[in-house]
Amino acid sequence: MFVGFLGCYGAIQESQCLLGTFFFMLVCLFACEVAAGIWGFSNRDTISKEMINFYDVAYIKSVDVVDSPTKTAAIKVLEVFHETLDCCGKGDDSPLFKQVAGALCPKKTLDDALLKPQSCHLKLKELFAEKLCLIGLAALVVAVIMIFEMIFTMVLCCGIRNATPVY
């Protein structure tokens, strides 16, 4: 938000210093985005495992018998997982899961409730295996937009420098 303000204010004030700072920050953000993309692509299996571990920890905290703020937060985290991925549980049909499934699983129609819910572990693995192209495409679109922002910032900065001052 600060970077956007810097660019807008620099353009309005026709300030080369502000636009130069805006350009520098865009370059830094672009470099961070490229580094994060490379890291994410090279560690996609690790990220999937970490998400599954995070889900398991939240699952264990949510079935705790003692009411606590961490249990409430864990239930909210599981709700987000379940609604987003349309899944429920770890894939085991333990008696504990059967007791809490009604409270933790997303509410569906009667036909869907009779079917066995899909495992969130499988859904997370599918997400990172199949949707990796979409995630990469979205990152590429953002990168192209940032490159255009940098080009237009430099054009504007050079235009301000070469313009004759109006008194």
N, C-alpha and C. Protein backbone atom coordinates (compact mmCIF):
# COMPACT_ATOMS: atom_id res chain seq x y z
N MET A 1 0.83 -1.18 0.00
CA MET A 1 0.00 0.00 0.00
C MET A 1 0.88 1.25 0.00
N PHE A 2 1.95 1.18 0.78
CA PHE A 2 2.87 2.31 0.84
C PHE A 2 3.54 2.52 -0.50
N VAL A 3 3.89 1.43 -1.16
CA VAL A 3 4.56 1.53 -2.46
C VAL A 3 3.63 2.17 -3.48
N GLY A 4 2.38 1.78 -3.48
CA GLY A 4 1.40 2.39 -4.39
C GLY A 4 1.21 3.86 -4.12
N PHE A 5 1.16 4.22 -2.83
CA PHE A 5 1.04 5.64 -2.47
C PHE A 5 2.24 6.41 -2.96
N LEU A 6 3.42 5.83 -2.82
CA LEU A 6 4.64 6.49 -3.27
C LEU A 6 4.60 6.76 -4.77
N GLY A 7 4.13 5.79 -5.55
CA GLY A 7 4.04 5.97 -6.99
C GLY A 7 3.03 7.02 -7.38
N CYS A 8 1.85 6.98 -6.76
CA CYS A 8 0.80 7.96 -7.08
C CYS A 8 1.23 9.37 -6.69
N TYR A 9 1.76 9.50 -5.49
CA TYR A 9 2.15 10.82 -5.02
C TYR A 9 3.32 11.36 -5.84
N GLY A 10 4.25 10.48 -6.22
CA GLY A 10 5.37 10.91 -7.06
C GLY A 10 4.91 11.37 -8.43
N ALA A 11 3.90 10.71 -8.99
CA ALA A 11 3.38 11.11 -10.30
C ALA A 11 2.62 12.43 -10.19
N ILE A 12 1.84 12.59 -9.14
CA ILE A 12 1.07 13.83 -8.97
C ILE A 12 2.00 15.02 -8.76
N GLN A 13 3.01 14.83 -7.92
CA GLN A 13 3.94 15.92 -7.62
C GLN A 13 5.03 16.07 -8.69
N GLU A 14 5.06 15.14 -9.63
CA GLU A 14 6.09 15.11 -10.67
C GLU A 14 7.49 15.14 -10.05
N SER A 15 7.68 14.26 -9.08
CA SER A 15 8.94 14.18 -8.34
C SER A 15 9.76 13.00 -8.82
N GLN A 16 10.95 13.30 -9.33
CA GLN A 16 11.84 12.23 -9.78
C GLN A 16 12.31 11.38 -8.61
N CYS A 17 12.52 12.00 -7.47
CA CYS A 17 12.99 11.27 -6.30
C CYS A 17 11.95 10.24 -5.85
N LEU A 18 10.70 10.66 -5.74
CA LEU A 18 9.65 9.73 -5.33
C LEU A 18 9.44 8.63 -6.36
N LEU A 19 9.47 8.99 -7.63
CA LEU A 19 9.30 7.97 -8.68
C LEU A 19 10.49 7.01 -8.72
N GLY A 20 11.69 7.53 -8.47
CA GLY A 20 12.87 6.67 -8.41
C GLY A 20 12.79 5.70 -7.24
N THR A 21 12.31 6.19 -6.10
CA THR A 21 12.13 5.32 -4.94
C THR A 21 11.05 4.27 -5.22
N PHE A 22 9.98 4.70 -5.87
CA PHE A 22 8.91 3.78 -6.26
C PHE A 22 9.46 2.69 -7.18
N PHE A 23 10.28 3.09 -8.16
CA PHE A 23 10.88 2.13 -9.09
C PHE A 23 11.78 1.15 -8.34
N PHE A 24 12.60 1.66 -7.43
CA PHE A 24 13.49 0.80 -6.66
C PHE A 24 12.70 -0.22 -5.84
N MET A 25 11.62 0.23 -5.22
CA MET A 25 10.80 -0.69 -4.43
C MET A 25 10.11 -1.73 -5.32
N LEU A 26 9.69 -1.33 -6.52
CA LEU A 26 9.10 -2.29 -7.45
C LEU A 26 10.12 -3.35 -7.85
N VAL A 27 11.36 -2.93 -8.07
CA VAL A 27 12.41 -3.88 -8.42
C VAL A 27 12.64 -4.86 -7.27
N CYS A 28 12.66 -4.35 -6.04
CA CYS A 28 12.84 -5.22 -4.87
C CYS A 28 11.68 -6.21 -4.74
N LEU A 29 10.46 -5.73 -4.91
CA LEU A 29 9.29 -6.62 -4.83
C LEU A 29 9.31 -7.66 -5.94
N PHE A 30 9.73 -7.25 -7.13
CA PHE A 30 9.82 -8.18 -8.25
C PHE A 30 10.85 -9.27 -7.96
N ALA A 31 12.00 -8.86 -7.42
CA ALA A 31 13.04 -9.84 -7.08
C ALA A 31 12.54 -10.81 -6.01
N CYS A 32 11.83 -10.30 -5.02
CA CYS A 32 11.27 -11.17 -3.97
C CYS A 32 10.24 -12.13 -4.55
N GLU A 33 9.43 -11.65 -5.47
CA GLU A 33 8.42 -12.51 -6.09
C GLU A 33 9.07 -13.62 -6.90
N VAL A 34 10.10 -13.29 -7.65
CA VAL A 34 10.80 -14.30 -8.44
C VAL A 34 11.47 -15.32 -7.51
N ALA A 35 12.11 -14.83 -6.45
CA ALA A 35 12.77 -15.74 -5.50
C ALA A 35 11.75 -16.65 -4.82
N ALA A 36 10.61 -16.10 -4.43
CA ALA A 36 9.57 -16.91 -3.78
C ALA A 36 9.01 -17.94 -4.75
N GLY A 37 8.85 -17.56 -6.01
CA GLY A 37 8.35 -18.50 -7.01
C GLY A 37 9.32 -19.65 -7.25
N ILE A 38 10.59 -19.34 -7.34
CA ILE A 38 11.60 -20.38 -7.53
C ILE A 38 11.65 -21.30 -6.32
N TRP A 39 11.64 -20.70 -5.12
CA TRP A 39 11.67 -21.50 -3.90
C TRP A 39 10.42 -22.38 -3.80
N GLY A 40 9.27 -21.82 -4.09
CA GLY A 40 8.02 -22.58 -4.01
C GLY A 40 7.98 -23.73 -4.99
N PHE A 41 8.48 -23.49 -6.21
CA PHE A 41 8.48 -24.55 -7.21
C PHE A 41 9.45 -25.66 -6.83
N SER A 42 10.62 -25.30 -6.31
CA SER A 42 11.60 -26.32 -5.96
C SER A 42 11.22 -27.07 -4.69
N ASN A 43 10.40 -26.47 -3.83
CA ASN A 43 10.00 -27.11 -2.57
C ASN A 43 8.52 -27.44 -2.53
N ARG A 44 7.91 -27.70 -3.67
CA ARG A 44 6.46 -27.93 -3.69
C ARG A 44 6.05 -29.16 -2.88
N ASP A 45 6.87 -30.19 -2.85
CA ASP A 45 6.54 -31.37 -2.06
C ASP A 45 6.62 -31.07 -0.57
N THR A 46 7.61 -30.31 -0.17
CA THR A 46 7.76 -29.94 1.23
C THR A 46 6.61 -29.06 1.68
N ILE A 47 6.19 -28.15 0.83
CA ILE A 47 5.07 -27.26 1.17
C ILE A 47 3.81 -28.07 1.37
N SER A 48 3.58 -29.04 0.52
CA SER A 48 2.40 -29.91 0.66
C SER A 48 2.44 -30.66 1.98
N LYS A 49 3.59 -31.20 2.33
CA LYS A 49 3.72 -31.93 3.60
C LYS A 49 3.51 -31.00 4.80
N GLU A 50 4.04 -29.79 4.71
CA GLU A 50 3.86 -28.83 5.81
C GLU A 50 2.40 -28.43 5.98
N MET A 51 1.69 -28.27 4.87
CA MET A 51 0.26 -27.95 4.96
C MET A 51 -0.51 -29.10 5.60
N ILE A 52 -0.14 -30.32 5.26
CA ILE A 52 -0.79 -31.49 5.86
C ILE A 52 -0.49 -31.54 7.36
N ASN A 53 0.76 -31.27 7.73
CA ASN A 53 1.11 -31.24 9.16
C ASN A 53 0.35 -30.14 9.89
N PHE A 54 0.22 -28.98 9.26
CA PHE A 54 -0.54 -27.87 9.86
C PHE A 54 -1.99 -28.28 10.06
N TYR A 55 -2.56 -28.95 9.06
CA TYR A 55 -3.94 -29.42 9.17
C TYR A 55 -4.06 -30.42 10.32
N ASP A 56 -3.10 -31.35 10.42
CA ASP A 56 -3.16 -32.35 11.48
C ASP A 56 -3.09 -31.73 12.87
N VAL A 57 -2.23 -30.74 13.04
CA VAL A 57 -2.12 -30.06 14.33
C VAL A 57 -3.43 -29.35 14.68
N ALA A 58 -4.01 -28.67 13.71
CA ALA A 58 -5.29 -27.99 13.95
C ALA A 58 -6.38 -29.00 14.24
N TYR A 59 -6.35 -30.13 13.56
CA TYR A 59 -7.34 -31.19 13.76
C TYR A 59 -7.26 -31.74 15.19
N ILE A 60 -6.04 -32.00 15.65
CA ILE A 60 -5.85 -32.53 17.00
C ILE A 60 -6.32 -31.52 18.05
N LYS A 61 -5.99 -30.25 17.84
CA LYS A 61 -6.43 -29.22 18.79
C LYS A 61 -7.94 -29.04 18.79
N SER A 62 -8.57 -29.26 17.64
CA SER A 62 -10.01 -29.03 17.56
C SER A 62 -10.83 -30.13 18.22
N VAL A 63 -10.28 -31.32 18.35
CA VAL A 63 -11.02 -32.41 18.99
C VAL A 63 -10.66 -32.54 20.47
N ASP A 64 -9.93 -31.58 20.99
CA ASP A 64 -9.58 -31.58 22.41
C ASP A 64 -10.86 -31.45 23.24
N VAL A 65 -10.89 -32.14 24.38
CA VAL A 65 -12.10 -32.13 25.20
C VAL A 65 -12.26 -30.84 26.00
N VAL A 66 -11.17 -30.14 26.24
CA VAL A 66 -11.21 -28.91 27.04
C VAL A 66 -11.46 -27.73 26.10
N ASP A 67 -12.46 -26.91 26.45
CA ASP A 67 -12.70 -25.70 25.66
C ASP A 67 -11.64 -24.67 25.99
N SER A 68 -11.00 -24.15 24.96
CA SER A 68 -9.96 -23.14 25.14
C SER A 68 -9.94 -22.25 23.91
N PRO A 69 -9.25 -21.11 24.00
CA PRO A 69 -9.14 -20.25 22.80
C PRO A 69 -8.43 -20.94 21.64
N THR A 70 -7.46 -21.81 21.94
CA THR A 70 -6.76 -22.50 20.85
C THR A 70 -7.69 -23.49 20.16
N LYS A 71 -8.60 -24.10 20.92
CA LYS A 71 -9.56 -25.02 20.31
C LYS A 71 -10.49 -24.26 19.37
N THR A 72 -10.97 -23.10 19.81
CA THR A 72 -11.86 -22.29 18.98
C THR A 72 -11.14 -21.85 17.70
N ALA A 73 -9.88 -21.41 17.84
CA ALA A 73 -9.12 -20.99 16.67
C ALA A 73 -8.87 -22.17 15.73
N ALA A 74 -8.58 -23.34 16.29
CA ALA A 74 -8.34 -24.52 15.46
C ALA A 74 -9.60 -24.92 14.70
N ILE A 75 -10.75 -24.80 15.34
CA ILE A 75 -12.01 -25.12 14.66
C ILE A 75 -12.24 -24.17 13.49
N LYS A 76 -11.93 -22.89 13.67
CA LYS A 76 -12.09 -21.92 12.58
C LYS A 76 -11.13 -22.24 11.43
N VAL A 77 -9.91 -22.64 11.76
CA VAL A 77 -8.94 -23.02 10.72
C VAL A 77 -9.46 -24.22 9.94
N LEU A 78 -9.99 -25.21 10.65
CA LEU A 78 -10.53 -26.39 9.97
C LEU A 78 -11.73 -26.04 9.10
N GLU A 79 -12.56 -25.12 9.56
CA GLU A 79 -13.71 -24.69 8.74
C GLU A 79 -13.24 -24.11 7.42
N VAL A 80 -12.17 -23.31 7.47
CA VAL A 80 -11.64 -22.72 6.23
C VAL A 80 -11.11 -23.82 5.32
N PHE A 81 -10.35 -24.75 5.88
CA PHE A 81 -9.86 -25.88 5.08
C PHE A 81 -11.01 -26.64 4.44
N HIS A 82 -12.00 -26.99 5.26
CA HIS A 82 -13.10 -27.84 4.78
C HIS A 82 -13.95 -27.14 3.73
N GLU A 83 -14.23 -25.87 3.93
CA GLU A 83 -15.06 -25.15 2.96
C GLU A 83 -14.29 -24.87 1.67
N THR A 84 -13.02 -24.54 1.79
CA THR A 84 -12.23 -24.22 0.61
C THR A 84 -11.95 -25.46 -0.24
N LEU A 85 -11.55 -26.54 0.41
CA LEU A 85 -11.16 -27.74 -0.32
C LEU A 85 -12.30 -28.74 -0.50
N ASP A 86 -13.44 -28.48 0.13
CA ASP A 86 -14.59 -29.38 0.08
C ASP A 86 -14.18 -30.79 0.53
N CYS A 87 -13.63 -30.86 1.73
CA CYS A 87 -13.16 -32.12 2.29
C CYS A 87 -13.48 -32.15 3.78
N CYS A 88 -13.16 -33.27 4.40
CA CYS A 88 -13.37 -33.37 5.84
C CYS A 88 -12.53 -34.50 6.40
N GLY A 89 -11.76 -34.22 7.41
CA GLY A 89 -11.00 -35.24 8.11
C GLY A 89 -9.69 -35.59 7.44
N LYS A 90 -8.97 -36.49 8.12
CA LYS A 90 -7.66 -36.91 7.66
C LYS A 90 -7.71 -38.15 6.78
N GLY A 91 -8.89 -38.74 6.66
CA GLY A 91 -9.01 -39.94 5.85
C GLY A 91 -9.14 -41.19 6.69
N ASP A 92 -8.98 -41.04 8.00
CA ASP A 92 -9.17 -42.20 8.87
C ASP A 92 -10.60 -42.20 9.40
N ASP A 93 -11.16 -43.35 9.54
CA ASP A 93 -12.52 -43.46 10.06
C ASP A 93 -12.50 -43.85 11.53
N SER A 94 -11.73 -43.12 12.30
CA SER A 94 -11.63 -43.44 13.73
C SER A 94 -12.94 -43.09 14.43
N PRO A 95 -13.21 -43.71 15.56
CA PRO A 95 -14.43 -43.39 16.31
C PRO A 95 -14.47 -41.91 16.73
N LEU A 96 -13.30 -41.35 17.02
CA LEU A 96 -13.25 -39.94 17.41
C LEU A 96 -13.71 -39.05 16.26
N PHE A 97 -13.28 -39.38 15.03
CA PHE A 97 -13.69 -38.58 13.88
C PHE A 97 -15.20 -38.68 13.66
N LYS A 98 -15.74 -39.87 13.83
CA LYS A 98 -17.18 -40.04 13.63
C LYS A 98 -17.99 -39.23 14.63
N GLN A 99 -17.43 -39.03 15.85
CA GLN A 99 -18.13 -38.25 16.86
C GLN A 99 -18.14 -36.76 16.51
N VAL A 100 -17.03 -36.27 15.99
CA VAL A 100 -16.92 -34.82 15.75
C VAL A 100 -17.18 -34.43 14.30
N ALA A 101 -17.42 -35.39 13.43
CA ALA A 101 -17.60 -35.08 12.00
C ALA A 101 -18.77 -34.16 11.76
N GLY A 102 -19.84 -34.33 12.50
CA GLY A 102 -21.02 -33.47 12.31
C GLY A 102 -20.73 -32.02 12.61
N ALA A 103 -19.87 -31.77 13.60
CA ALA A 103 -19.55 -30.40 13.97
C ALA A 103 -18.47 -29.80 13.08
N LEU A 104 -17.53 -30.62 12.63
CA LEU A 104 -16.39 -30.09 11.89
C LEU A 104 -16.58 -30.07 10.38
N CYS A 105 -17.32 -31.01 9.86
CA CYS A 105 -17.47 -31.10 8.41
C CYS A 105 -18.45 -30.05 7.91
N PRO A 106 -18.24 -29.56 6.68
CA PRO A 106 -19.17 -28.56 6.14
C PRO A 106 -20.56 -29.15 5.95
N LYS A 107 -21.54 -28.31 6.17
CA LYS A 107 -22.94 -28.75 6.03
C LYS A 107 -23.26 -28.89 4.55
N LYS A 108 -23.83 -30.04 4.19
CA LYS A 108 -24.15 -30.31 2.79
C LYS A 108 -25.59 -30.79 2.70
N THR A 109 -25.94 -31.15 1.50
CA THR A 109 -27.28 -31.71 1.30
C THR A 109 -27.31 -33.13 1.88
N LEU A 110 -28.49 -33.69 1.95
CA LEU A 110 -28.65 -35.03 2.52
C LEU A 110 -27.91 -36.08 1.70
N ASP A 111 -27.93 -35.94 0.39
CA ASP A 111 -27.24 -36.91 -0.47
C ASP A 111 -25.73 -36.89 -0.23
N ASP A 112 -25.17 -35.68 -0.09
CA ASP A 112 -23.73 -35.56 0.15
C ASP A 112 -23.37 -36.06 1.54
N ALA A 113 -24.25 -35.89 2.50
CA ALA A 113 -23.97 -36.32 3.87
C ALA A 113 -23.89 -37.84 3.96
N LEU A 114 -24.61 -38.53 3.11
CA LEU A 114 -24.58 -39.99 3.15
C LEU A 114 -23.30 -40.56 2.56
N LEU A 115 -22.67 -39.83 1.66
CA LEU A 115 -21.41 -40.27 1.07
C LEU A 115 -20.27 -40.03 2.05
N LYS A 116 -19.22 -40.83 1.89
CA LYS A 116 -18.04 -40.65 2.73
C LYS A 116 -17.31 -39.37 2.30
N PRO A 117 -17.00 -38.49 3.25
CA PRO A 117 -16.31 -37.25 2.87
C PRO A 117 -14.89 -37.54 2.38
N GLN A 118 -14.42 -36.68 1.47
CA GLN A 118 -13.07 -36.86 0.94
C GLN A 118 -12.05 -36.39 1.97
N SER A 119 -10.92 -37.05 1.98
CA SER A 119 -9.85 -36.74 2.91
C SER A 119 -9.20 -35.41 2.55
N CYS A 120 -8.94 -34.59 3.55
CA CYS A 120 -8.26 -33.32 3.29
C CYS A 120 -6.80 -33.54 2.92
N HIS A 121 -6.21 -34.64 3.39
CA HIS A 121 -4.84 -34.96 2.99
C HIS A 121 -4.75 -35.15 1.48
N LEU A 122 -5.68 -35.92 0.94
CA LEU A 122 -5.69 -36.15 -0.51
C LEU A 122 -5.97 -34.86 -1.27
N LYS A 123 -6.89 -34.05 -0.75
CA LYS A 123 -7.23 -32.79 -1.42
C LYS A 123 -6.04 -31.83 -1.43
N LEU A 124 -5.28 -31.79 -0.34
CA LEU A 124 -4.10 -30.92 -0.30
C LEU A 124 -3.04 -31.40 -1.29
N LYS A 125 -2.84 -32.71 -1.37
CA LYS A 125 -1.87 -33.23 -2.34
C LYS A 125 -2.31 -32.92 -3.77
N GLU A 126 -3.61 -33.07 -4.04
CA GLU A 126 -4.15 -32.74 -5.36
C GLU A 126 -3.96 -31.27 -5.67
N LEU A 127 -4.20 -30.43 -4.68
CA LEU A 127 -4.10 -28.99 -4.88
C LEU A 127 -2.71 -28.61 -5.36
N PHE A 128 -1.69 -29.13 -4.69
CA PHE A 128 -0.33 -28.76 -5.06
C PHE A 128 0.16 -29.49 -6.30
N ALA A 129 -0.41 -30.64 -6.62
CA ALA A 129 0.02 -31.37 -7.81
C ALA A 129 -0.66 -30.84 -9.07
N GLU A 130 -1.97 -30.62 -8.99
CA GLU A 130 -2.72 -30.25 -10.19
C GLU A 130 -2.83 -28.74 -10.40
N LYS A 131 -2.85 -27.99 -9.35
CA LYS A 131 -3.07 -26.56 -9.48
C LYS A 131 -1.78 -25.76 -9.56
N LEU A 132 -0.65 -26.45 -9.62
CA LEU A 132 0.63 -25.75 -9.67
C LEU A 132 0.74 -24.89 -10.92
N CYS A 133 0.19 -25.35 -12.03
CA CYS A 133 0.23 -24.57 -13.28
C CYS A 133 -0.56 -23.28 -13.12
N LEU A 134 -1.72 -23.35 -12.48
CA LEU A 134 -2.52 -22.13 -12.28
C LEU A 134 -1.83 -21.15 -11.35
N ILE A 135 -1.20 -21.67 -10.31
CA ILE A 135 -0.47 -20.80 -9.38
C ILE A 135 0.69 -20.13 -10.11
N GLY A 136 1.40 -20.90 -10.92
CA GLY A 136 2.51 -20.34 -11.69
C GLY A 136 2.04 -19.32 -12.71
N LEU A 137 0.91 -19.58 -13.35
CA LEU A 137 0.36 -18.64 -14.32
C LEU A 137 -0.05 -17.33 -13.64
N ALA A 138 -0.66 -17.42 -12.48
CA ALA A 138 -1.03 -16.21 -11.74
C ALA A 138 0.21 -15.41 -11.36
N ALA A 139 1.26 -16.09 -10.93
CA ALA A 139 2.50 -15.40 -10.58
C ALA A 139 3.13 -14.75 -11.82
N LEU A 140 3.03 -15.42 -12.96
CA LEU A 140 3.57 -14.86 -14.20
C LEU A 140 2.82 -13.60 -14.61
N VAL A 141 1.50 -13.61 -14.47
CA VAL A 141 0.69 -12.43 -14.80
C VAL A 141 1.07 -11.26 -13.90
N VAL A 142 1.23 -11.53 -12.61
CA VAL A 142 1.63 -10.46 -11.68
C VAL A 142 3.02 -9.94 -12.05
N ALA A 143 3.92 -10.83 -12.43
CA ALA A 143 5.27 -10.41 -12.82
C ALA A 143 5.25 -9.53 -14.06
N VAL A 144 4.44 -9.88 -15.05
CA VAL A 144 4.34 -9.07 -16.27
C VAL A 144 3.77 -7.69 -15.94
N ILE A 145 2.76 -7.65 -15.09
CA ILE A 145 2.19 -6.36 -14.68
C ILE A 145 3.24 -5.51 -13.98
N MET A 146 4.04 -6.13 -13.13
CA MET A 146 5.09 -5.38 -12.43
C MET A 146 6.15 -4.87 -13.40
N ILE A 147 6.47 -5.65 -14.43
CA ILE A 147 7.44 -5.19 -15.42
C ILE A 147 6.90 -3.96 -16.15
N PHE A 148 5.61 -3.99 -16.52
CA PHE A 148 5.01 -2.82 -17.16
C PHE A 148 5.00 -1.62 -16.22
N GLU A 149 4.74 -1.85 -14.94
CA GLU A 149 4.78 -0.75 -13.97
C GLU A 149 6.17 -0.12 -13.93
N MET A 150 7.20 -0.96 -13.94
CA MET A 150 8.56 -0.43 -13.90
C MET A 150 8.89 0.35 -15.17
N ILE A 151 8.45 -0.16 -16.32
CA ILE A 151 8.71 0.54 -17.59
C ILE A 151 8.03 1.90 -17.59
N PHE A 152 6.74 1.93 -17.22
CA PHE A 152 6.01 3.20 -17.24
C PHE A 152 6.54 4.18 -16.19
N THR A 153 7.02 3.67 -15.07
CA THR A 153 7.62 4.54 -14.06
C THR A 153 8.87 5.20 -14.61
N MET A 154 9.71 4.44 -15.30
CA MET A 154 10.93 5.03 -15.87
C MET A 154 10.60 6.02 -16.98
N VAL A 155 9.60 5.70 -17.81
CA VAL A 155 9.19 6.63 -18.86
C VAL A 155 8.70 7.94 -18.25
N LEU A 156 7.89 7.86 -17.21
CA LEU A 156 7.39 9.05 -16.54
C LEU A 156 8.51 9.83 -15.89
N CYS A 157 9.43 9.13 -15.25
CA CYS A 157 10.56 9.80 -14.59
C CYS A 157 11.44 10.53 -15.61
N CYS A 158 11.72 9.88 -16.74
CA CYS A 158 12.53 10.52 -17.79
C CYS A 158 11.77 11.67 -18.42
N GLY A 159 10.46 11.54 -18.58
CA GLY A 159 9.65 12.62 -19.13
C GLY A 159 9.65 13.84 -18.22
N ILE A 160 9.62 13.62 -16.93
CA ILE A 160 9.67 14.73 -15.97
C ILE A 160 11.03 15.41 -16.03
N ARG A 161 12.10 14.64 -16.16
CA ARG A 161 13.44 15.21 -16.20
C ARG A 161 13.64 16.05 -17.46
N ASN A 162 13.10 15.59 -18.60
CA ASN A 162 13.32 16.28 -19.87
C ASN A 162 12.31 17.39 -20.13
N ALA A 163 11.28 17.51 -19.31
CA ALA A 163 10.26 18.54 -19.52
C ALA A 163 10.81 19.90 -19.12
N THR A 164 10.35 20.90 -19.85
CA THR A 164 10.75 22.26 -19.48
C THR A 164 9.89 22.73 -18.31
N PRO A 165 10.49 23.37 -17.35
CA PRO A 165 9.71 23.81 -16.19
C PRO A 165 8.73 24.92 -16.57
N VAL A 166 7.57 24.88 -15.98
CA VAL A 166 6.54 25.89 -16.21
C VAL A 166 6.48 26.76 -14.97
N TYR A 167 6.66 28.08 -15.16
CA TYR A 167 6.65 28.99 -14.01
C TYR A 167 5.40 29.79 -13.97
